[in-house]
Amino acid sequence: MVKFEFDENKSRSNFEKHGIDFYTA
């Protein structure tokens, strides 16, 4: 998603918690 893209550092942690669902999407 956009909000996750602009925050690569923060997004990396979020993706791990969500199971990298958004990262692969």
N, C-alpha and C. Protein backbone atom coordinates (compact mmCIF):
# COMPACT_ATOMS: atom_id res chain seq x y z
N MET A 1 0.84 -1.21 0.00
CA MET A 1 0.00 0.00 0.00
C MET A 1 0.87 1.26 0.00
N VAL A 2 0.26 2.40 -0.24
CA VAL A 2 1.02 3.66 -0.31
C VAL A 2 1.61 4.00 1.05
N LYS A 3 0.77 4.01 2.09
CA LYS A 3 1.26 4.39 3.42
C LYS A 3 2.41 3.49 3.86
N PHE A 4 2.44 2.27 3.36
CA PHE A 4 3.52 1.35 3.75
C PHE A 4 4.76 1.60 2.89
N GLU A 5 4.52 1.99 1.63
CA GLU A 5 5.64 2.23 0.71
C GLU A 5 6.54 3.36 1.20
N PHE A 6 5.94 4.50 1.52
CA PHE A 6 6.75 5.67 1.93
C PHE A 6 7.51 5.38 3.22
N ASP A 7 7.06 4.41 3.98
CA ASP A 7 7.77 4.08 5.24
C ASP A 7 8.36 2.68 5.15
N GLU A 8 9.44 2.54 4.41
CA GLU A 8 10.03 1.21 4.24
C GLU A 8 10.48 0.64 5.59
N ASN A 9 11.15 1.46 6.38
CA ASN A 9 11.65 0.99 7.68
C ASN A 9 10.51 0.54 8.57
N LYS A 10 9.51 1.39 8.72
CA LYS A 10 8.38 1.07 9.61
C LYS A 10 7.54 -0.05 8.99
N SER A 11 7.38 0.00 7.67
CA SER A 11 6.55 -1.00 6.99
C SER A 11 7.13 -2.40 7.19
N ARG A 12 8.45 -2.51 7.12
CA ARG A 12 9.10 -3.82 7.28
C ARG A 12 8.61 -4.49 8.57
N SER A 13 8.53 -3.73 9.66
CA SER A 13 8.10 -4.29 10.94
C SER A 13 6.62 -4.67 10.86
N ASN A 14 5.82 -3.79 10.24
CA ASN A 14 4.38 -4.06 10.14
C ASN A 14 4.13 -5.32 9.31
N PHE A 15 4.85 -5.44 8.20
CA PHE A 15 4.67 -6.60 7.33
C PHE A 15 4.96 -7.89 8.10
N GLU A 16 6.03 -7.87 8.87
CA GLU A 16 6.40 -9.07 9.64
C GLU A 16 5.26 -9.48 10.57
N LYS A 17 4.63 -8.50 11.20
CA LYS A 17 3.53 -8.80 12.13
C LYS A 17 2.31 -9.32 11.36
N HIS A 18 2.06 -8.74 10.18
CA HIS A 18 0.90 -9.15 9.39
C HIS A 18 1.19 -10.41 8.57
N GLY A 19 2.43 -10.85 8.60
CA GLY A 19 2.78 -12.07 7.86
C GLY A 19 3.16 -11.75 6.42
N ILE A 20 3.70 -10.56 6.21
CA ILE A 20 4.13 -10.16 4.86
C ILE A 20 2.99 -10.31 3.86
N ASP A 21 1.77 -10.02 4.28
CA ASP A 21 0.63 -10.13 3.36
C ASP A 21 0.61 -8.94 2.40
N PHE A 22 0.87 -7.74 2.94
CA PHE A 22 0.83 -6.53 2.10
C PHE A 22 2.08 -6.45 1.21
N TYR A 23 3.18 -6.95 1.72
CA TYR A 23 4.44 -6.87 0.96
C TYR A 23 4.32 -7.65 -0.36
N THR A 24 3.73 -8.82 -0.29
CA THR A 24 3.60 -9.66 -1.50
C THR A 24 2.48 -9.12 -2.40
N ALA A 25 1.48 -8.52 -1.83
CA ALA A 25 0.33 -8.01 -2.59
C ALA A 25 0.73 -6.97 -3.61
